[in-house]
């Protein structure tokens, strides 16, 4: 591409971003161990056999590993973050793949990176791309925790071509400790329209959701909340934890997780904050919406013990769809877990276009108790992923299988997705997988991350 400016001709080799680098061969399929899993599906739920080995890639870090989150950049490179065992400790691990599943050698030479924080142990929970800086190449911010003899700290890294980028924090890393907080750790991250990094944290004894905002150089943003830290207790709440973060089209921060009112169990909770870090009191009830599927108790389920928002996504018009995970106590005193799809309007109030009850039980044929972990929006379709134990013929009586579910925005099962609304990959004998995150890439394909185990 030619750009004429001031009489000089400048040649920009845009195609060189993807092609002028060493691309490793596709990794072979391991035969043992537990590894990062990345899989790709078409928009309608069919495995994309042009990716990796018939639709999936296992990334081997040399020990037990799992991917907790995935993101994609404008060049269709996938970045995956999680944890990998190294030297007897769990470590903060990042990997990157090209569009067809080959490891991206621009990341630390071979597409795999163990990030070294001050503590000997740590792991990554989430990652996000900065899509607003205008750069041809973008790199992810990865968040989680680091743990050492002096306790747990928030851990943030900005990953570049040769590892953590030196112009962020100290050597590309930020470790967060905050006065009066015990054992803070990061659960979710997003980058706003001004390239500021918003992190949802959790610490012992929080009585409201806990947000921190950093500038692009890793310094706390003093214009956000109180000197960069938003941690205001909510009236009547004894404990709360934010687990997920979404920034809407107007720059407002939706944080979801759980909160426990005084004398009650943990409730699935969503709160909305404005761009300054103040609670948006036009949302829900004074800024907070609690959602509890109490109408779904049957004769064997005598009490709800706790519930939380496991994942949240926004429709194009700002309406909210989320996974609510609930733990019940049955009549024998045993805990039973169930998941629901719930819908709210953009203002945090019940959505009349959603199912009349506001909740839809999430069931999967042949899977008694699916564990559903992440949700995204793909056009007019809501996609949920997770895993569950399925019965298979001997000699393997049970194995864990990844699951994708498709729904319409009104909560009806999308029968055009997969097989009657359910997509899953046929696994060979001796293999199990768990799906922990899902995104839609730049051309509309569903990309999942989690773990794959080879027996």
Protein backbone atom coordinates (compact mmCIF):
# COMPACT_ATOMS: atom_id res chain seq x y z
CA UNK A 1 0.00 0.00 0.00
CA UNK A 2 1.31 3.47 -0.97
CA UNK A 3 0.83 6.56 1.19
CA UNK A 4 1.91 9.93 -0.27
CA UNK A 5 2.62 12.53 2.40
CA UNK A 6 4.72 15.67 1.88
CA UNK A 7 6.00 14.41 -1.45
CA UNK A 8 7.55 11.27 0.04
CA UNK A 9 6.36 7.80 -0.81
CA UNK A 10 6.12 5.43 2.16
CA UNK A 11 5.67 1.72 1.57
CA UNK A 12 3.67 -0.13 4.22
CA UNK A 13 4.02 -3.88 3.91
CA UNK A 14 0.72 -4.72 5.59
CA UNK A 15 0.77 -8.33 4.42
CA UNK A 16 4.08 -8.85 6.16
CA UNK A 17 2.37 -8.84 9.55
CA UNK A 18 1.18 -12.38 9.03
CA UNK A 19 3.54 -13.75 6.39
CA UNK A 20 7.04 -12.35 7.07
CA UNK A 21 7.73 -14.43 10.14
CA UNK A 22 8.63 -17.98 10.98
CA UNK A 23 5.44 -20.03 11.35
CA UNK A 24 5.98 -23.26 13.31
CA UNK A 25 4.44 -26.44 11.98
CA UNK A 26 1.21 -27.58 13.53
CA UNK A 27 1.92 -29.30 16.86
CA UNK A 28 1.24 -33.05 16.94
CA UNK A 29 -1.60 -34.29 19.11
CA UNK A 30 -0.26 -35.30 22.55
CA UNK A 31 -0.88 -38.81 23.83
CA UNK A 32 -0.79 -38.13 27.59
CA UNK A 33 -1.35 -35.30 30.03
CA UNK A 34 -3.63 -32.27 30.39
CA UNK A 35 -3.04 -29.28 28.12
CA UNK A 36 -4.39 -25.97 26.86
CA UNK A 37 -7.25 -26.58 24.44
CA UNK A 38 -8.29 -24.24 21.62
CA UNK A 39 -11.12 -25.28 19.32
CA UNK A 40 -13.02 -23.59 16.53
CA UNK A 41 -16.58 -23.99 15.28
CA UNK A 42 -18.59 -22.43 12.50
CA UNK A 43 -21.29 -19.93 13.42
CA UNK A 44 -23.90 -22.73 13.28
CA UNK A 45 -21.94 -25.00 15.64
CA UNK A 46 -20.16 -27.41 13.28
CA UNK A 47 -16.49 -28.11 14.12
CA UNK A 48 -14.22 -26.13 11.78
CA UNK A 49 -11.93 -28.78 10.34
CA UNK A 50 -9.69 -26.14 8.68
CA UNK A 51 -8.36 -25.30 12.16
CA UNK A 52 -5.69 -27.42 13.80
CA UNK A 53 -6.40 -31.15 13.89
CA UNK A 54 -10.00 -31.39 12.62
CA UNK A 55 -11.00 -28.33 14.63
CA UNK A 56 -8.84 -28.33 17.75
CA UNK A 57 -5.30 -27.70 18.99
CA UNK A 58 -3.65 -28.88 22.20
CA UNK A 59 -0.83 -26.64 23.47
CA UNK A 60 1.75 -28.48 25.56
CA UNK A 61 3.66 -26.48 28.19
CA UNK A 62 5.55 -29.54 29.42
CA UNK A 63 3.28 -30.19 32.40
CA UNK A 64 -0.37 -30.00 33.39
CA UNK A 65 -2.00 -26.84 32.00
CA UNK A 66 -5.39 -25.29 31.31
CA UNK A 67 -6.59 -22.25 29.38
CA UNK A 68 -9.04 -20.00 31.22
CA UNK A 69 -9.63 -17.26 28.63
CA UNK A 70 -9.17 -16.44 24.95
CA UNK A 71 -9.10 -13.29 22.78
CA UNK A 72 -8.49 -12.48 19.11
CA UNK A 73 -6.78 -9.53 17.42
CA UNK A 74 -7.45 -7.84 14.07
CA UNK A 75 -4.94 -10.17 12.36
CA UNK A 76 -6.98 -13.22 13.49
CA UNK A 77 -4.30 -14.35 15.90
CA UNK A 78 -5.65 -16.04 19.01
CA UNK A 79 -4.23 -15.33 22.47
CA UNK A 80 -4.93 -17.77 25.28
CA UNK A 81 -4.22 -17.34 29.00
CA UNK A 82 -4.34 -19.71 31.94
CA UNK A 83 -2.03 -21.74 34.12
CA UNK A 84 0.73 -24.27 33.56
CA UNK A 85 2.65 -26.44 35.98
CA UNK A 86 6.35 -25.62 36.06
CA UNK A 87 8.90 -26.55 38.71
CA UNK A 88 6.19 -27.91 40.99
CA UNK A 89 4.19 -24.64 40.94
CA UNK A 90 1.27 -23.34 38.96
CA UNK A 91 2.46 -20.53 36.73
CA UNK A 92 0.92 -17.62 34.80
CA UNK A 93 0.86 -18.94 31.21
CA UNK A 94 0.07 -17.34 27.82
CA UNK A 95 0.03 -18.85 24.34
CA UNK A 96 -0.77 -17.56 20.86
CA UNK A 97 -1.89 -19.24 17.64
CA UNK A 98 -2.21 -18.19 14.04
CA UNK A 99 -5.57 -18.44 12.30
CA UNK A 100 -5.13 -22.07 11.28
CA UNK A 101 -3.84 -23.31 14.63
CA UNK A 102 -0.05 -23.04 14.22
CA UNK A 103 1.73 -21.48 17.19
CA UNK A 104 2.49 -17.77 16.74
CA UNK A 105 6.28 -17.50 16.97
CA UNK A 106 6.09 -13.72 17.47
CA UNK A 107 5.31 -14.48 21.13
CA UNK A 108 8.55 -15.41 22.89
CA UNK A 109 9.92 -17.27 19.87
CA UNK A 110 7.58 -20.27 19.88
CA UNK A 111 4.11 -19.02 20.84
CA UNK A 112 4.31 -20.06 24.51
CA UNK A 113 5.23 -17.91 27.48
CA UNK A 114 5.49 -18.40 31.24
CA UNK A 115 5.23 -14.96 32.85
CA UNK A 116 7.45 -14.51 35.90
CA UNK A 117 6.01 -12.42 38.74
CA UNK A 118 7.56 -11.99 42.17
CA UNK A 119 5.77 -14.96 43.72
CA UNK A 120 6.64 -18.53 42.77
CA UNK A 121 3.01 -19.37 42.00
CA UNK A 122 0.25 -17.70 40.03
CA UNK A 123 -2.27 -18.03 37.25
CA UNK A 124 -4.07 -15.99 34.64
CA UNK A 125 -7.86 -15.61 34.76
CA UNK A 126 -8.68 -13.31 31.84
CA UNK A 127 -7.22 -11.28 28.98
CA UNK A 128 -8.32 -8.44 26.71
CA UNK A 129 -7.05 -6.74 23.58
CA UNK A 130 -6.66 -2.96 23.21
CA UNK A 131 -8.72 -2.40 20.05
CA UNK A 132 -8.68 1.39 20.30
CA UNK A 133 -5.03 2.39 19.97
CA UNK A 134 -4.94 2.33 16.17
CA UNK A 135 -1.86 0.08 15.98
CA UNK A 136 -1.59 -2.47 13.20
CA UNK A 137 -0.51 -5.07 15.74
CA UNK A 138 -2.24 -5.29 19.11
CA UNK A 139 -1.18 -7.30 22.13
CA UNK A 140 -3.18 -8.50 25.12
CA UNK A 141 -3.40 -7.44 28.73
CA UNK A 142 -3.52 -10.55 30.91
CA UNK A 143 -4.70 -10.54 34.54
CA UNK A 144 -4.80 -12.96 37.44
CA UNK A 145 -2.87 -13.48 40.65
CA UNK A 146 0.62 -14.06 41.92
CA UNK A 147 1.22 -15.77 45.25
CA UNK A 148 4.26 -15.80 47.50
CA UNK A 149 5.26 -15.90 51.15
CA UNK A 150 3.84 -12.39 51.65
CA UNK A 151 0.39 -13.36 50.34
CA UNK A 152 -1.62 -12.95 47.15
CA UNK A 153 -1.42 -9.97 44.81
CA UNK A 154 -3.20 -8.76 41.68
CA UNK A 155 -1.05 -9.66 38.66
CA UNK A 156 -1.24 -7.85 35.31
CA UNK A 157 0.98 -8.27 32.26
CA UNK A 158 0.97 -6.66 28.84
CA UNK A 159 2.31 -9.19 26.40
CA UNK A 160 4.37 -8.12 23.40
CA UNK A 161 6.52 -9.74 20.77
CA UNK A 162 9.32 -10.77 23.13
CA UNK A 163 7.30 -11.26 26.31
CA UNK A 164 6.04 -8.60 28.75
CA UNK A 165 6.35 -5.11 27.21
CA UNK A 166 8.83 -2.92 29.09
CA UNK A 167 6.80 0.31 28.80
CA UNK A 168 3.99 -1.10 30.96
CA UNK A 169 4.54 -1.10 34.73
CA UNK A 170 7.94 -2.49 35.67
CA UNK A 171 9.28 -4.67 32.88
CA UNK A 172 5.79 -5.19 31.48
CA UNK A 173 4.29 -6.28 34.79
CA UNK A 174 2.12 -4.73 37.51
CA UNK A 175 1.57 -6.32 40.91
CA UNK A 176 -1.28 -4.71 42.81
CA UNK A 177 -1.52 -4.37 46.55
CA UNK A 178 -3.96 -1.92 48.10
CA UNK A 179 -4.07 -0.45 51.62
CA UNK A 180 -6.48 -2.29 53.89
CA UNK A 181 -7.12 -5.16 51.46
CA UNK A 182 -6.15 -8.75 52.09
CA UNK A 183 -5.15 -11.14 49.30
CA UNK A 184 -6.44 -9.18 46.28
CA UNK A 185 -6.57 -10.99 42.94
CA UNK A 186 -7.88 -10.11 39.47
CA UNK A 187 -10.74 -11.98 37.82
CA UNK A 188 -11.62 -9.97 34.71
CA UNK A 189 -10.21 -7.24 32.46
CA UNK A 190 -11.43 -4.94 29.69
CA UNK A 191 -9.86 -2.04 27.79
CA UNK A 192 -11.99 1.07 27.32
CA UNK A 193 -12.19 3.42 24.33
CA UNK A 194 -9.30 5.51 25.69
CA UNK A 195 -7.01 2.48 26.07
CA UNK A 196 -7.33 2.46 29.85
CA UNK A 197 -7.23 -0.96 31.51
CA UNK A 198 -10.14 -1.77 33.82
CA UNK A 199 -9.70 -4.73 36.16
CA UNK A 200 -12.27 -6.43 38.39
CA UNK A 201 -10.65 -7.72 41.57
CA UNK A 202 -11.64 -9.67 44.63
CA UNK A 203 -10.22 -9.52 48.14
CA UNK A 204 -11.13 -10.95 51.54
CA UNK A 205 -14.09 -9.14 53.09
CA UNK A 206 -15.34 -7.09 50.12
CA UNK A 207 -18.88 -5.74 50.64
CA UNK A 208 -19.27 -4.51 47.06
CA UNK A 209 -17.59 -5.04 43.73
CA UNK A 210 -13.95 -3.93 43.51
CA UNK A 211 -12.66 -2.21 40.33
CA UNK A 212 -9.26 -0.74 39.50
CA UNK A 213 -8.31 1.30 36.42
CA UNK A 214 -4.79 1.65 35.04
CA UNK A 215 -3.34 3.91 32.38
CA UNK A 216 -1.60 2.41 29.35
CA UNK A 217 1.78 2.73 31.12
CA UNK A 218 0.63 0.71 34.15
CA UNK A 219 0.05 3.59 36.59
CA UNK A 220 -3.21 3.79 38.52
CA UNK A 221 -5.63 6.23 36.86
CA UNK A 222 -6.22 8.90 39.49
CA UNK A 223 -9.34 10.18 37.69
CA UNK A 224 -11.18 6.90 38.31
CA UNK A 225 -13.19 6.45 41.52
CA UNK A 226 -10.86 7.09 44.48
CA UNK A 227 -7.30 7.45 43.12
CA UNK A 228 -7.86 4.66 40.63
CA UNK A 229 -9.61 2.23 42.99
CA UNK A 230 -13.38 1.78 43.17
CA UNK A 231 -14.40 -0.14 46.26
CA UNK A 232 -17.54 1.26 47.88
CA UNK A 233 -19.51 -1.03 50.25
CA UNK A 234 -23.17 -1.52 49.36
CA UNK A 235 -25.75 -1.08 52.15
CA UNK A 236 -26.94 -4.39 53.60
CA UNK A 237 -24.25 -6.53 51.93
CA UNK A 238 -21.93 -8.66 54.04
CA UNK A 239 -19.72 -9.97 51.23
CA UNK A 240 -19.47 -9.71 47.42
CA UNK A 241 -17.21 -10.76 44.56
CA UNK A 242 -17.04 -9.54 40.96
CA UNK A 243 -16.17 -12.25 38.46
CA UNK A 244 -16.94 -10.82 35.01
CA UNK A 245 -16.62 -7.44 33.26
CA UNK A 246 -18.21 -5.98 30.12
CA UNK A 247 -17.92 -2.38 28.89
CA UNK A 248 -20.99 -1.33 26.90
CA UNK A 249 -21.19 0.96 23.86
CA UNK A 250 -21.59 4.02 26.13
CA UNK A 251 -18.48 3.20 28.18
CA UNK A 252 -20.35 1.95 31.23
CA UNK A 253 -18.89 -0.96 33.18
CA UNK A 254 -21.13 -3.96 33.90
CA UNK A 255 -19.66 -6.12 36.63
CA UNK A 256 -21.28 -9.43 37.54
CA UNK A 257 -20.68 -12.07 40.19
CA UNK A 258 -22.39 -12.53 43.52
CA UNK A 259 -23.32 -10.64 46.66
CA UNK A 260 -24.66 -11.79 50.03
CA UNK A 261 -27.32 -9.64 51.72
CA UNK A 262 -27.27 -9.67 55.52
CA UNK A 263 -28.73 -12.95 56.80
CA UNK A 264 -29.10 -14.50 53.33
CA UNK A 265 -27.23 -16.61 50.80
CA UNK A 266 -25.14 -15.39 47.90
CA UNK A 267 -27.27 -13.93 45.09
CA UNK A 268 -26.29 -13.70 41.42
CA UNK A 269 -25.64 -9.97 41.01
CA UNK A 270 -24.98 -7.41 38.27
CA UNK A 271 -23.91 -3.81 38.94
CA UNK A 272 -23.25 -0.97 36.52
CA UNK A 273 -20.69 1.81 36.94
CA UNK A 274 -20.18 4.92 34.85
CA UNK A 275 -16.83 5.76 33.25
CA UNK A 276 -15.73 7.65 36.38
CA UNK A 277 -16.18 4.56 38.57
CA UNK A 278 -19.38 5.75 40.28
CA UNK A 279 -22.29 3.34 40.69
CA UNK A 280 -24.91 4.07 38.00
CA UNK A 281 -28.08 4.38 40.07
CA UNK A 282 -30.35 4.31 37.00
CA UNK A 283 -29.52 0.60 36.67
CA UNK A 284 -31.51 -2.05 38.57
CA UNK A 285 -32.18 -0.92 42.12
CA UNK A 286 -29.81 1.96 42.92
CA UNK A 287 -27.20 0.54 40.54
CA UNK A 288 -27.47 -3.16 41.43
CA UNK A 289 -29.63 -6.01 40.08
CA UNK A 290 -29.92 -9.31 41.98
CA UNK A 291 -31.37 -12.31 40.17
CA UNK A 292 -32.48 -15.48 41.94
CA UNK A 293 -34.44 -18.30 40.21
CA UNK A 294 -36.53 -19.15 43.26
CA UNK A 295 -39.45 -20.47 41.22
CA UNK A 296 -37.48 -23.52 40.11
CA UNK A 297 -37.45 -25.43 43.39
CA UNK A 298 -39.00 -28.86 42.96
CA UNK A 299 -39.94 -31.39 45.63
CA UNK A 300 -36.39 -32.69 46.03
CA UNK A 301 -34.71 -29.25 46.15
CA UNK A 302 -35.54 -27.72 49.48
CA UNK A 303 -33.38 -24.58 49.50
CA UNK A 304 -31.11 -22.43 47.38
CA UNK A 305 -27.69 -22.26 48.99
CA UNK A 306 -26.01 -19.75 46.69
CA UNK A 307 -26.02 -18.40 43.13
CA UNK A 308 -23.64 -16.40 40.95
CA UNK A 309 -23.33 -14.98 37.45
CA UNK A 310 -20.96 -17.34 35.63
CA UNK A 311 -20.90 -15.27 32.44
CA UNK A 312 -22.60 -12.25 30.86
CA UNK A 313 -23.04 -10.91 27.32
CA UNK A 314 -24.83 -7.95 25.74
CA UNK A 315 -27.18 -7.98 22.76
CA UNK A 316 -26.72 -5.26 20.15
CA UNK A 317 -29.37 -3.10 21.81
CA UNK A 318 -27.76 -3.39 25.26
CA UNK A 319 -30.05 -6.03 26.73
CA UNK A 320 -28.34 -8.51 29.05
CA UNK A 321 -28.15 -12.29 28.81
CA UNK A 322 -26.26 -14.27 31.44
CA UNK A 323 -25.56 -17.68 32.91
CA UNK A 324 -26.76 -17.99 36.50
CA UNK A 325 -25.17 -20.92 38.33
CA UNK A 326 -27.13 -22.12 41.37
CA UNK A 327 -26.29 -24.54 44.16
CA UNK A 328 -29.33 -26.19 45.77
CA UNK A 329 -29.62 -28.36 48.84
CA UNK A 330 -31.77 -31.42 48.17
CA UNK A 331 -34.00 -33.31 50.62
CA UNK A 332 -31.06 -35.58 51.52
CA UNK A 333 -28.83 -32.64 52.41
CA UNK A 334 -26.68 -32.99 49.28
CA UNK A 335 -25.62 -30.08 47.10
CA UNK A 336 -26.98 -30.06 43.54
CA UNK A 337 -25.74 -27.62 40.90
CA UNK A 338 -27.88 -26.24 38.09
CA UNK A 339 -27.48 -23.46 35.53
CA UNK A 340 -30.01 -21.06 34.01
CA UNK A 341 -30.09 -18.56 31.15
CA UNK A 342 -31.42 -15.25 32.49
CA UNK A 343 -32.38 -12.04 30.72
CA UNK A 344 -32.56 -8.39 31.77
CA UNK A 345 -33.27 -5.19 29.93
CA UNK A 346 -30.44 -2.70 29.42
CA UNK A 347 -31.62 -0.85 32.55
CA UNK A 348 -31.17 -3.93 34.76
CA UNK A 349 -34.89 -4.67 35.07
CA UNK A 350 -36.76 -7.77 33.85
CA UNK A 351 -36.92 -8.10 30.05
CA UNK A 352 -40.54 -8.81 28.99
CA UNK A 353 -39.32 -10.19 25.63
CA UNK A 354 -37.48 -12.98 27.43
CA UNK A 355 -39.18 -16.09 28.84
CA UNK A 356 -42.05 -15.14 31.16
CA UNK A 357 -40.23 -16.48 34.23
CA UNK A 358 -37.04 -14.59 33.43
CA UNK A 359 -35.06 -17.84 33.69
CA UNK A 360 -34.61 -20.86 31.45
CA UNK A 361 -33.09 -24.08 32.87
CA UNK A 362 -30.05 -25.10 30.83
CA UNK A 363 -30.27 -28.79 30.06
CA UNK A 364 -28.29 -31.04 27.72
CA UNK A 365 -29.55 -34.46 26.58
CA UNK A 366 -27.39 -37.22 28.03
CA UNK A 367 -25.59 -34.88 30.44
CA UNK A 368 -27.15 -34.94 33.93
CA UNK A 369 -25.40 -31.87 35.39
CA UNK A 370 -23.68 -29.71 32.76
CA UNK A 371 -21.16 -27.18 34.05
CA UNK A 372 -21.69 -24.05 31.93
CA UNK A 373 -18.99 -21.42 32.12
CA UNK A 374 -19.06 -18.76 29.39
CA UNK A 375 -21.47 -16.93 27.08
CA UNK A 376 -21.19 -14.74 23.98
CA UNK A 377 -23.37 -13.17 21.30
CA UNK A 378 -23.02 -14.08 17.64
CA UNK A 379 -25.39 -11.97 15.53
CA UNK A 380 -28.92 -12.96 16.55
CA UNK A 381 -27.67 -15.98 18.47
CA UNK A 382 -26.57 -16.40 22.09
CA UNK A 383 -23.97 -19.16 22.54
CA UNK A 384 -23.14 -20.81 25.86
CA UNK A 385 -20.24 -23.22 26.43
CA UNK A 386 -19.25 -25.62 29.16
CA UNK A 387 -18.80 -29.32 29.74
CA UNK A 388 -20.38 -32.33 31.36
CA UNK A 389 -19.94 -36.00 32.04
CA UNK A 390 -21.45 -38.22 29.37
CA UNK A 391 -21.97 -41.94 29.45
CA UNK A 392 -20.04 -43.85 26.80
CA UNK A 393 -19.71 -47.58 26.08
CA UNK A 394 -17.18 -49.62 28.13
CA UNK A 395 -14.32 -49.69 28.90
CA UNK A 396 -14.64 -45.92 29.56
CA UNK A 397 -17.90 -45.64 31.54
CA UNK A 398 -17.84 -41.81 31.70
CA UNK A 399 -15.86 -38.96 30.22
CA UNK A 400 -16.10 -35.17 30.20
CA UNK A 401 -17.18 -33.61 26.92
CA UNK A 402 -17.23 -29.99 25.76
CA UNK A 403 -20.70 -28.58 25.01
CA UNK A 404 -22.01 -25.56 23.06
CA UNK A 405 -25.64 -24.42 23.32
CA UNK A 406 -27.40 -22.02 20.93
CA UNK A 407 -30.34 -19.77 21.87
CA UNK A 408 -32.38 -17.01 20.32
CA UNK A 409 -32.38 -13.63 22.14
CA UNK A 410 -35.86 -14.37 23.56
CA UNK A 411 -34.55 -17.51 25.26
CA UNK A 412 -35.86 -20.11 22.83
CA UNK A 413 -33.45 -22.89 21.88
CA UNK A 414 -31.94 -22.19 18.43
CA UNK A 415 -32.71 -25.41 16.59
CA UNK A 416 -30.53 -24.36 13.64
CA UNK A 417 -27.45 -24.50 15.87
CA UNK A 418 -25.61 -27.82 16.06
CA UNK A 419 -28.11 -30.65 16.52
CA UNK A 420 -31.37 -29.17 17.86
CA UNK A 421 -29.49 -26.39 19.64
CA UNK A 422 -26.59 -28.48 21.01
CA UNK A 423 -23.11 -28.81 19.46
CA UNK A 424 -20.39 -31.14 20.66
CA UNK A 425 -17.33 -32.80 19.21
CA UNK A 426 -17.14 -36.58 18.92
CA UNK A 427 -14.17 -37.51 21.12
CA UNK A 428 -12.08 -40.62 20.55
CA UNK A 429 -11.53 -43.11 23.32
CA UNK A 430 -9.18 -41.84 26.04
CA UNK A 431 -9.83 -38.11 25.56
CA UNK A 432 -11.83 -35.64 27.68
CA UNK A 433 -12.24 -31.88 27.34
CA UNK A 434 -13.64 -28.94 29.30
CA UNK A 435 -14.61 -25.63 27.68
CA UNK A 436 -14.05 -22.56 29.86
CA UNK A 437 -14.33 -19.58 27.50
CA UNK A 438 -15.76 -18.64 24.10
CA UNK A 439 -15.38 -15.69 21.72
CA UNK A 440 -16.53 -14.79 18.21
CA UNK A 441 -13.57 -14.03 15.96
CA UNK A 442 -13.37 -11.29 13.33
CA UNK A 443 -15.13 -13.40 10.68
CA UNK A 444 -17.89 -14.80 12.89
CA UNK A 445 -16.44 -18.17 13.91
CA UNK A 446 -16.80 -19.46 17.46
CA UNK A 447 -13.46 -20.07 19.19
CA UNK A 448 -13.34 -21.91 22.51
CA UNK A 449 -10.63 -22.44 25.12
CA UNK A 450 -10.25 -24.81 28.03
CA UNK A 451 -8.39 -28.03 28.67
CA UNK A 452 -8.02 -31.38 26.99
CA UNK A 453 -6.93 -34.52 28.81
CA UNK A 454 -5.36 -37.59 27.21
CA UNK A 455 -5.48 -40.81 29.23
